[in-house]
Amino acid sequence: MALFSIDKRKQFFTSAQQQQMVEAIQLAEKNTSGEVRFFVESKCKYIDPVDRAKEIFFNLKMDQTKDRNAVLLYMAMDDHQLALFADEGIYQRVGSQYWNDEVKKIIAHFTKDDYTGGVCHIISDIGDALKKEFPYESSDKNELPDEIIFGN
């Protein structure tokens, strides 16, 4: 039995950067019933990051939102991979070209080593799409936590 444990997870972002991204999620969700989550890990366990994002999406029970309008931003930092995975409610409304365009936008930020800016920008864009397709109603509640999820 270990007397103490060591957290071996890498710190990809400073505390201030993490706070900035969490605030972006909260702002994006402010005027919509939609949900946004951000999952970061070192390496992608699959060849295709969309497959990994899908696995995480369902493990986090993101498919159980009332309007099926949750979106996961997935990043594997060491492997330089990312994916967006959206539930059927929002995916069908905005179409596949929207998601492809968003990935191109975030990659443009990343090529300038602006990871925080890229994450915040894409979260804001997703929030705008969610607000348009699923505007906030007084009965809406925050169905999923807003904090960043760090994998291994």
N, C-alpha and C. Protein backbone atom coordinates (compact mmCIF):
# COMPACT_ATOMS: atom_id res chain seq x y z
N MET A 1 0.84 -1.17 0.00
CA MET A 1 0.00 0.00 0.00
C MET A 1 0.89 1.24 0.00
N ALA A 2 0.57 2.20 -0.88
CA ALA A 2 1.35 3.43 -0.98
C ALA A 2 0.92 4.41 0.11
N LEU A 3 1.91 5.10 0.65
CA LEU A 3 1.62 6.10 1.67
C LEU A 3 1.19 7.42 1.06
N PHE A 4 1.55 7.62 -0.18
CA PHE A 4 1.15 8.84 -0.88
C PHE A 4 1.07 8.51 -2.36
N SER A 5 0.39 9.35 -3.09
CA SER A 5 0.30 9.12 -4.53
C SER A 5 0.88 10.33 -5.26
N ILE A 6 1.37 10.08 -6.42
CA ILE A 6 1.94 11.13 -7.23
C ILE A 6 1.08 11.27 -8.47
N ASP A 7 0.62 12.48 -8.73
CA ASP A 7 -0.16 12.74 -9.93
C ASP A 7 0.82 12.93 -11.08
N LYS A 8 0.83 11.97 -11.99
CA LYS A 8 1.79 11.99 -13.10
C LYS A 8 1.26 12.74 -14.32
N ARG A 9 0.05 13.27 -14.24
CA ARG A 9 -0.51 13.98 -15.38
C ARG A 9 0.27 15.26 -15.64
N LYS A 10 0.46 15.55 -16.90
CA LYS A 10 1.17 16.76 -17.29
C LYS A 10 0.28 17.97 -17.10
N GLN A 11 0.90 19.08 -16.84
CA GLN A 11 0.18 20.35 -16.80
C GLN A 11 0.36 21.01 -18.16
N PHE A 12 -0.67 20.98 -18.98
CA PHE A 12 -0.59 21.56 -20.30
C PHE A 12 -0.89 23.05 -20.29
N PHE A 13 -1.61 23.50 -19.27
CA PHE A 13 -2.04 24.89 -19.19
C PHE A 13 -1.80 25.41 -17.77
N THR A 14 -1.49 26.69 -17.67
CA THR A 14 -1.35 27.31 -16.36
C THR A 14 -2.72 27.40 -15.70
N SER A 15 -2.73 27.69 -14.43
CA SER A 15 -4.01 27.87 -13.72
C SER A 15 -4.82 29.01 -14.34
N ALA A 16 -4.14 30.09 -14.72
CA ALA A 16 -4.83 31.23 -15.34
C ALA A 16 -5.43 30.84 -16.69
N GLN A 17 -4.69 30.05 -17.47
CA GLN A 17 -5.21 29.60 -18.76
C GLN A 17 -6.41 28.68 -18.57
N GLN A 18 -6.31 27.79 -17.60
CA GLN A 18 -7.42 26.88 -17.31
C GLN A 18 -8.67 27.68 -16.91
N GLN A 19 -8.47 28.68 -16.07
CA GLN A 19 -9.59 29.51 -15.64
C GLN A 19 -10.21 30.24 -16.82
N GLN A 20 -9.38 30.73 -17.73
CA GLN A 20 -9.86 31.42 -18.92
C GLN A 20 -10.72 30.47 -19.78
N MET A 21 -10.31 29.22 -19.91
CA MET A 21 -11.06 28.26 -20.71
C MET A 21 -12.38 27.86 -20.02
N VAL A 22 -12.34 27.70 -18.72
CA VAL A 22 -13.58 27.37 -17.99
C VAL A 22 -14.56 28.54 -18.11
N GLU A 23 -14.07 29.75 -18.01
CA GLU A 23 -14.94 30.92 -18.18
C GLU A 23 -15.51 30.98 -19.59
N ALA A 24 -14.73 30.57 -20.59
CA ALA A 24 -15.24 30.53 -21.97
C ALA A 24 -16.38 29.52 -22.08
N ILE A 25 -16.24 28.38 -21.41
CA ILE A 25 -17.31 27.38 -21.42
C ILE A 25 -18.57 27.95 -20.75
N GLN A 26 -18.39 28.58 -19.61
CA GLN A 26 -19.54 29.14 -18.90
C GLN A 26 -20.23 30.23 -19.71
N LEU A 27 -19.45 31.07 -20.37
CA LEU A 27 -20.03 32.13 -21.21
C LEU A 27 -20.74 31.52 -22.41
N ALA A 28 -20.14 30.49 -23.02
CA ALA A 28 -20.74 29.84 -24.18
C ALA A 28 -22.09 29.20 -23.83
N GLU A 29 -22.21 28.71 -22.61
CA GLU A 29 -23.44 28.03 -22.19
C GLU A 29 -24.48 28.98 -21.60
N LYS A 30 -24.12 30.23 -21.45
CA LYS A 30 -24.99 31.18 -20.74
C LYS A 30 -26.35 31.38 -21.41
N ASN A 31 -26.39 31.42 -22.74
CA ASN A 31 -27.63 31.72 -23.44
C ASN A 31 -28.16 30.54 -24.26
N THR A 32 -27.87 29.34 -23.78
CA THR A 32 -28.31 28.15 -24.49
C THR A 32 -28.57 27.02 -23.51
N SER A 33 -29.33 26.05 -23.96
CA SER A 33 -29.49 24.82 -23.17
C SER A 33 -28.37 23.84 -23.49
N GLY A 34 -27.54 24.16 -24.48
CA GLY A 34 -26.45 23.28 -24.90
C GLY A 34 -25.34 23.19 -23.86
N GLU A 35 -24.52 22.17 -24.03
CA GLU A 35 -23.42 21.89 -23.10
C GLU A 35 -22.12 21.72 -23.87
N VAL A 36 -21.03 22.25 -23.31
CA VAL A 36 -19.70 22.12 -23.90
C VAL A 36 -18.76 21.56 -22.85
N ARG A 37 -17.97 20.57 -23.24
CA ARG A 37 -16.95 20.02 -22.35
C ARG A 37 -15.63 19.97 -23.10
N PHE A 38 -14.54 20.03 -22.33
CA PHE A 38 -13.19 20.03 -22.90
C PHE A 38 -12.37 18.96 -22.20
N PHE A 39 -11.85 18.01 -22.98
CA PHE A 39 -11.08 16.89 -22.46
C PHE A 39 -9.69 16.94 -23.06
N VAL A 40 -8.66 16.88 -22.20
CA VAL A 40 -7.26 16.96 -22.64
C VAL A 40 -6.49 15.77 -22.08
N GLU A 41 -5.67 15.18 -22.93
CA GLU A 41 -4.77 14.13 -22.47
C GLU A 41 -3.48 14.19 -23.28
N SER A 42 -2.49 13.43 -22.86
CA SER A 42 -1.19 13.45 -23.54
C SER A 42 -1.25 12.78 -24.90
N LYS A 43 -1.71 11.55 -24.91
CA LYS A 43 -1.69 10.76 -26.13
C LYS A 43 -3.06 10.20 -26.44
N CYS A 44 -3.35 10.11 -27.72
CA CYS A 44 -4.60 9.53 -28.18
C CYS A 44 -4.45 8.01 -28.20
N LYS A 45 -5.40 7.32 -27.60
CA LYS A 45 -5.33 5.86 -27.52
C LYS A 45 -5.74 5.18 -28.83
N TYR A 46 -6.24 5.95 -29.78
CA TYR A 46 -6.68 5.40 -31.06
C TYR A 46 -5.98 6.14 -32.19
N ILE A 47 -5.99 5.54 -33.36
CA ILE A 47 -5.41 6.20 -34.53
C ILE A 47 -6.25 7.42 -34.90
N ASP A 48 -7.54 7.29 -34.82
CA ASP A 48 -8.45 8.37 -35.19
C ASP A 48 -8.94 9.08 -33.92
N PRO A 49 -8.61 10.37 -33.77
CA PRO A 49 -9.03 11.08 -32.56
C PRO A 49 -10.55 11.21 -32.43
N VAL A 50 -11.28 11.13 -33.53
CA VAL A 50 -12.74 11.17 -33.45
C VAL A 50 -13.26 9.94 -32.71
N ASP A 51 -12.63 8.79 -32.96
CA ASP A 51 -13.04 7.58 -32.24
C ASP A 51 -12.79 7.73 -30.74
N ARG A 52 -11.67 8.33 -30.38
CA ARG A 52 -11.37 8.55 -28.95
C ARG A 52 -12.36 9.55 -28.36
N ALA A 53 -12.64 10.62 -29.09
CA ALA A 53 -13.60 11.62 -28.61
C ALA A 53 -14.97 10.99 -28.41
N LYS A 54 -15.36 10.13 -29.32
CA LYS A 54 -16.65 9.45 -29.20
C LYS A 54 -16.70 8.59 -27.94
N GLU A 55 -15.62 7.84 -27.69
CA GLU A 55 -15.55 7.01 -26.49
C GLU A 55 -15.69 7.87 -25.22
N ILE A 56 -14.96 8.97 -25.17
CA ILE A 56 -15.01 9.86 -24.01
C ILE A 56 -16.39 10.47 -23.87
N PHE A 57 -16.97 10.90 -24.97
CA PHE A 57 -18.30 11.52 -24.99
C PHE A 57 -19.31 10.60 -24.30
N PHE A 58 -19.31 9.34 -24.69
CA PHE A 58 -20.28 8.40 -24.12
C PHE A 58 -19.91 8.00 -22.69
N ASN A 59 -18.62 7.89 -22.38
CA ASN A 59 -18.20 7.60 -21.01
C ASN A 59 -18.61 8.71 -20.05
N LEU A 60 -18.60 9.95 -20.52
CA LEU A 60 -19.00 11.10 -19.70
C LEU A 60 -20.52 11.29 -19.69
N LYS A 61 -21.22 10.41 -20.38
CA LYS A 61 -22.69 10.45 -20.46
C LYS A 61 -23.20 11.76 -21.05
N MET A 62 -22.43 12.29 -21.98
CA MET A 62 -22.82 13.54 -22.63
C MET A 62 -24.00 13.35 -23.58
N ASP A 63 -24.32 12.12 -23.92
CA ASP A 63 -25.46 11.83 -24.79
C ASP A 63 -26.78 11.84 -24.02
N GLN A 64 -26.72 12.13 -22.74
CA GLN A 64 -27.92 12.08 -21.92
C GLN A 64 -28.49 13.46 -21.60
N THR A 65 -28.06 14.49 -22.33
CA THR A 65 -28.66 15.80 -22.12
C THR A 65 -30.08 15.80 -22.70
N LYS A 66 -30.91 16.64 -22.15
CA LYS A 66 -32.32 16.67 -22.52
C LYS A 66 -32.52 16.86 -24.02
N ASP A 67 -31.79 17.80 -24.61
CA ASP A 67 -31.99 18.12 -26.03
C ASP A 67 -30.95 17.49 -26.95
N ARG A 68 -30.11 16.61 -26.40
CA ARG A 68 -29.05 15.95 -27.20
C ARG A 68 -28.20 17.01 -27.91
N ASN A 69 -27.75 18.00 -27.12
CA ASN A 69 -27.02 19.13 -27.70
C ASN A 69 -25.70 19.41 -26.98
N ALA A 70 -25.02 18.35 -26.63
CA ALA A 70 -23.71 18.49 -25.98
C ALA A 70 -22.61 18.36 -27.03
N VAL A 71 -21.49 19.07 -26.77
CA VAL A 71 -20.34 19.04 -27.68
C VAL A 71 -19.08 18.83 -26.85
N LEU A 72 -18.23 17.91 -27.31
CA LEU A 72 -16.95 17.64 -26.67
C LEU A 72 -15.82 18.12 -27.57
N LEU A 73 -14.93 18.92 -26.99
CA LEU A 73 -13.67 19.28 -27.63
C LEU A 73 -12.62 18.37 -27.02
N TYR A 74 -11.97 17.57 -27.86
CA TYR A 74 -10.97 16.61 -27.42
C TYR A 74 -9.60 17.00 -27.96
N MET A 75 -8.58 16.95 -27.10
CA MET A 75 -7.21 17.22 -27.54
C MET A 75 -6.25 16.21 -26.92
N ALA A 76 -5.34 15.68 -27.76
CA ALA A 76 -4.21 14.87 -27.31
C ALA A 76 -2.97 15.68 -27.61
N MET A 77 -2.41 16.30 -26.60
CA MET A 77 -1.36 17.30 -26.77
C MET A 77 -0.07 16.74 -27.38
N ASP A 78 0.44 15.65 -26.85
CA ASP A 78 1.71 15.11 -27.36
C ASP A 78 1.57 14.59 -28.78
N ASP A 79 0.39 14.09 -29.12
CA ASP A 79 0.16 13.54 -30.46
C ASP A 79 -0.33 14.59 -31.45
N HIS A 80 -0.56 15.81 -30.97
CA HIS A 80 -1.04 16.91 -31.83
C HIS A 80 -2.32 16.50 -32.57
N GLN A 81 -3.27 15.96 -31.80
CA GLN A 81 -4.54 15.54 -32.38
C GLN A 81 -5.68 16.24 -31.66
N LEU A 82 -6.74 16.48 -32.40
CA LEU A 82 -7.93 17.06 -31.79
C LEU A 82 -9.14 16.57 -32.55
N ALA A 83 -10.27 16.70 -31.89
CA ALA A 83 -11.54 16.32 -32.51
C ALA A 83 -12.67 17.05 -31.81
N LEU A 84 -13.70 17.28 -32.56
CA LEU A 84 -14.96 17.75 -32.00
C LEU A 84 -15.96 16.62 -32.17
N PHE A 85 -16.69 16.34 -31.10
CA PHE A 85 -17.73 15.32 -31.19
C PHE A 85 -19.01 15.93 -30.63
N ALA A 86 -20.03 15.98 -31.47
CA ALA A 86 -21.29 16.60 -31.08
C ALA A 86 -22.42 15.58 -31.08
N ASP A 87 -23.33 15.74 -30.15
CA ASP A 87 -24.49 14.86 -30.10
C ASP A 87 -25.39 15.15 -31.30
N GLU A 88 -26.29 14.22 -31.56
CA GLU A 88 -27.10 14.29 -32.77
C GLU A 88 -27.96 15.54 -32.87
N GLY A 89 -28.43 16.08 -31.75
CA GLY A 89 -29.30 17.25 -31.80
C GLY A 89 -28.63 18.45 -32.44
N ILE A 90 -27.41 18.76 -32.03
CA ILE A 90 -26.71 19.92 -32.58
C ILE A 90 -25.99 19.56 -33.87
N TYR A 91 -25.44 18.36 -33.97
CA TYR A 91 -24.70 17.97 -35.17
C TYR A 91 -25.59 18.07 -36.41
N GLN A 92 -26.78 17.55 -36.34
CA GLN A 92 -27.69 17.56 -37.49
C GLN A 92 -28.14 18.96 -37.85
N ARG A 93 -28.28 19.82 -36.88
CA ARG A 93 -28.77 21.17 -37.17
C ARG A 93 -27.74 22.06 -37.87
N VAL A 94 -26.47 21.91 -37.52
CA VAL A 94 -25.47 22.79 -38.15
C VAL A 94 -24.73 22.12 -39.29
N GLY A 95 -24.73 20.80 -39.37
CA GLY A 95 -24.13 20.08 -40.49
C GLY A 95 -22.64 19.85 -40.36
N SER A 96 -22.14 18.90 -41.12
CA SER A 96 -20.74 18.49 -41.02
C SER A 96 -19.77 19.58 -41.46
N GLN A 97 -20.16 20.42 -42.41
CA GLN A 97 -19.24 21.47 -42.87
C GLN A 97 -18.92 22.45 -41.74
N TYR A 98 -19.89 22.74 -40.90
CA TYR A 98 -19.65 23.62 -39.75
C TYR A 98 -18.53 23.06 -38.89
N TRP A 99 -18.58 21.78 -38.55
CA TRP A 99 -17.59 21.16 -37.68
C TRP A 99 -16.22 21.13 -38.34
N ASN A 100 -16.18 20.84 -39.64
CA ASN A 100 -14.91 20.85 -40.36
C ASN A 100 -14.29 22.25 -40.35
N ASP A 101 -15.12 23.27 -40.54
CA ASP A 101 -14.62 24.66 -40.52
C ASP A 101 -14.09 25.04 -39.14
N GLU A 102 -14.76 24.59 -38.10
CA GLU A 102 -14.31 24.90 -36.74
C GLU A 102 -12.96 24.25 -36.44
N VAL A 103 -12.76 23.02 -36.91
CA VAL A 103 -11.47 22.36 -36.71
C VAL A 103 -10.37 23.15 -37.43
N LYS A 104 -10.65 23.63 -38.63
CA LYS A 104 -9.66 24.43 -39.36
C LYS A 104 -9.31 25.70 -38.59
N LYS A 105 -10.30 26.33 -37.98
CA LYS A 105 -10.06 27.56 -37.20
C LYS A 105 -9.16 27.29 -36.01
N ILE A 106 -9.43 26.22 -35.30
CA ILE A 106 -8.62 25.94 -34.11
C ILE A 106 -7.20 25.56 -34.51
N ILE A 107 -7.05 24.83 -35.60
CA ILE A 107 -5.70 24.48 -36.07
C ILE A 107 -4.92 25.74 -36.43
N ALA A 108 -5.57 26.74 -36.99
CA ALA A 108 -4.90 28.00 -37.32
C ALA A 108 -4.33 28.65 -36.05
N HIS A 109 -5.05 28.60 -34.96
CA HIS A 109 -4.54 29.11 -33.68
C HIS A 109 -3.37 28.27 -33.19
N PHE A 110 -3.51 26.96 -33.29
CA PHE A 110 -2.48 26.07 -32.77
C PHE A 110 -1.17 26.19 -33.53
N THR A 111 -1.23 26.46 -34.83
CA THR A 111 0.01 26.62 -35.59
C THR A 111 0.78 27.85 -35.16
N LYS A 112 0.10 28.75 -34.46
CA LYS A 112 0.76 29.94 -33.89
C LYS A 112 1.07 29.74 -32.41
N ASP A 113 0.98 28.50 -31.93
CA ASP A 113 1.18 28.16 -30.52
C ASP A 113 0.23 28.91 -29.59
N ASP A 114 -0.95 29.23 -30.09
CA ASP A 114 -1.97 29.92 -29.30
C ASP A 114 -3.04 28.91 -28.92
N TYR A 115 -2.68 28.00 -28.01
CA TYR A 115 -3.60 26.93 -27.63
C TYR A 115 -4.79 27.47 -26.83
N THR A 116 -4.51 28.31 -25.88
CA THR A 116 -5.59 28.86 -25.05
C THR A 116 -6.54 29.69 -25.90
N GLY A 117 -5.99 30.54 -26.74
CA GLY A 117 -6.82 31.36 -27.63
C GLY A 117 -7.65 30.51 -28.56
N GLY A 118 -7.05 29.44 -29.09
CA GLY A 118 -7.78 28.56 -29.99
C GLY A 118 -8.92 27.84 -29.30
N VAL A 119 -8.65 27.34 -28.10
CA VAL A 119 -9.69 26.65 -27.33
C VAL A 119 -10.82 27.62 -27.00
N CYS A 120 -10.48 28.80 -26.52
CA CYS A 120 -11.51 29.78 -26.16
C CYS A 120 -12.31 30.22 -27.38
N HIS A 121 -11.63 30.39 -28.51
CA HIS A 121 -12.31 30.82 -29.74
C HIS A 121 -13.31 29.76 -30.20
N ILE A 122 -12.88 28.51 -30.23
CA ILE A 122 -13.78 27.47 -30.72
C ILE A 122 -14.94 27.26 -29.75
N ILE A 123 -14.69 27.35 -28.46
CA ILE A 123 -15.77 27.23 -27.48
C ILE A 123 -16.78 28.35 -27.67
N SER A 124 -16.30 29.56 -27.94
CA SER A 124 -17.20 30.68 -28.21
C SER A 124 -18.04 30.44 -29.46
N ASP A 125 -17.39 29.96 -30.52
CA ASP A 125 -18.13 29.66 -31.76
C ASP A 125 -19.19 28.59 -31.53
N ILE A 126 -18.84 27.55 -30.80
CA ILE A 126 -19.80 26.49 -30.50
C ILE A 126 -20.95 27.06 -29.68
N GLY A 127 -20.63 27.91 -28.73
CA GLY A 127 -21.68 28.56 -27.93
C GLY A 127 -22.63 29.37 -28.79
N ASP A 128 -22.09 30.07 -29.79
CA ASP A 128 -22.95 30.85 -30.70
C ASP A 128 -23.88 29.93 -31.49
N ALA A 129 -23.36 28.81 -31.97
CA ALA A 129 -24.19 27.86 -32.71
C ALA A 129 -25.26 27.26 -31.81
N LEU A 130 -24.86 26.91 -30.59
CA LEU A 130 -25.83 26.36 -29.64
C LEU A 130 -26.91 27.38 -29.30
N LYS A 131 -26.50 28.62 -29.11
CA LYS A 131 -27.46 29.68 -28.77
C LYS A 131 -28.48 29.85 -29.89
N LYS A 132 -28.01 29.79 -31.13
CA LYS A 132 -28.91 29.95 -32.28
C LYS A 132 -29.88 28.78 -32.38
N GLU A 133 -29.37 27.58 -32.22
CA GLU A 133 -30.19 26.38 -32.41
C GLU A 133 -30.96 25.95 -31.16
N PHE A 134 -30.42 26.25 -29.99
CA PHE A 134 -31.03 25.85 -28.72
C PHE A 134 -30.99 27.02 -27.74
N PRO A 135 -31.78 28.07 -28.00
CA PRO A 135 -31.73 29.24 -27.11
C PRO A 135 -32.15 28.89 -25.68
N TYR A 136 -31.60 29.65 -24.76
CA TYR A 136 -31.88 29.46 -23.33
C TYR A 136 -33.36 29.67 -23.05
N GLU A 137 -33.91 28.79 -22.23
CA GLU A 137 -35.27 28.93 -21.72
C GLU A 137 -35.19 28.90 -20.20
N SER A 138 -36.14 29.50 -19.54
CA SER A 138 -36.07 29.62 -18.08
C SER A 138 -36.00 28.27 -17.37
N SER A 139 -36.46 27.22 -18.01
CA SER A 139 -36.43 25.90 -17.38
C SER A 139 -35.09 25.17 -17.58
N ASP A 140 -34.18 25.76 -18.37
CA ASP A 140 -32.89 25.11 -18.64
C ASP A 140 -32.00 25.13 -17.40
N LYS A 141 -31.20 24.07 -17.27
CA LYS A 141 -30.24 24.00 -16.18
C LYS A 141 -28.91 23.50 -16.75
N ASN A 142 -27.85 23.75 -16.03
CA ASN A 142 -26.54 23.28 -16.44
C ASN A 142 -26.49 21.78 -16.16
N GLU A 143 -26.53 20.98 -17.22
CA GLU A 143 -26.63 19.53 -17.06
C GLU A 143 -25.28 18.84 -16.86
N LEU A 144 -24.18 19.50 -17.28
CA LEU A 144 -22.86 18.88 -17.19
C LEU A 144 -21.87 19.85 -16.56
N PRO A 145 -20.88 19.35 -15.83
CA PRO A 145 -19.87 20.23 -15.23
C PRO A 145 -19.10 21.02 -16.29
N ASP A 146 -18.59 22.18 -15.90
CA ASP A 146 -17.88 23.06 -16.84
C ASP A 146 -16.36 22.91 -16.79
N GLU A 147 -15.84 22.24 -15.78
CA GLU A 147 -14.38 22.19 -15.63
C GLU A 147 -13.73 21.37 -16.74
N ILE A 148 -12.46 21.63 -16.98
CA ILE A 148 -11.67 20.89 -17.94
C ILE A 148 -11.40 19.49 -17.36
N ILE A 149 -11.46 18.49 -18.22
CA ILE A 149 -11.20 17.13 -17.80
C ILE A 149 -9.81 16.75 -18.32
N PHE A 150 -8.94 16.32 -17.43
CA PHE A 150 -7.59 15.92 -17.81
C PHE A 150 -7.47 14.41 -17.72
N GLY A 151 -7.13 13.80 -18.86
CA GLY A 151 -6.88 12.37 -18.89
C GLY A 151 -5.40 12.13 -18.60
N ASN A 152 -4.89 11.01 -19.00
CA ASN A 152 -3.48 10.67 -18.77
C ASN A 152 -2.59 11.18 -19.88
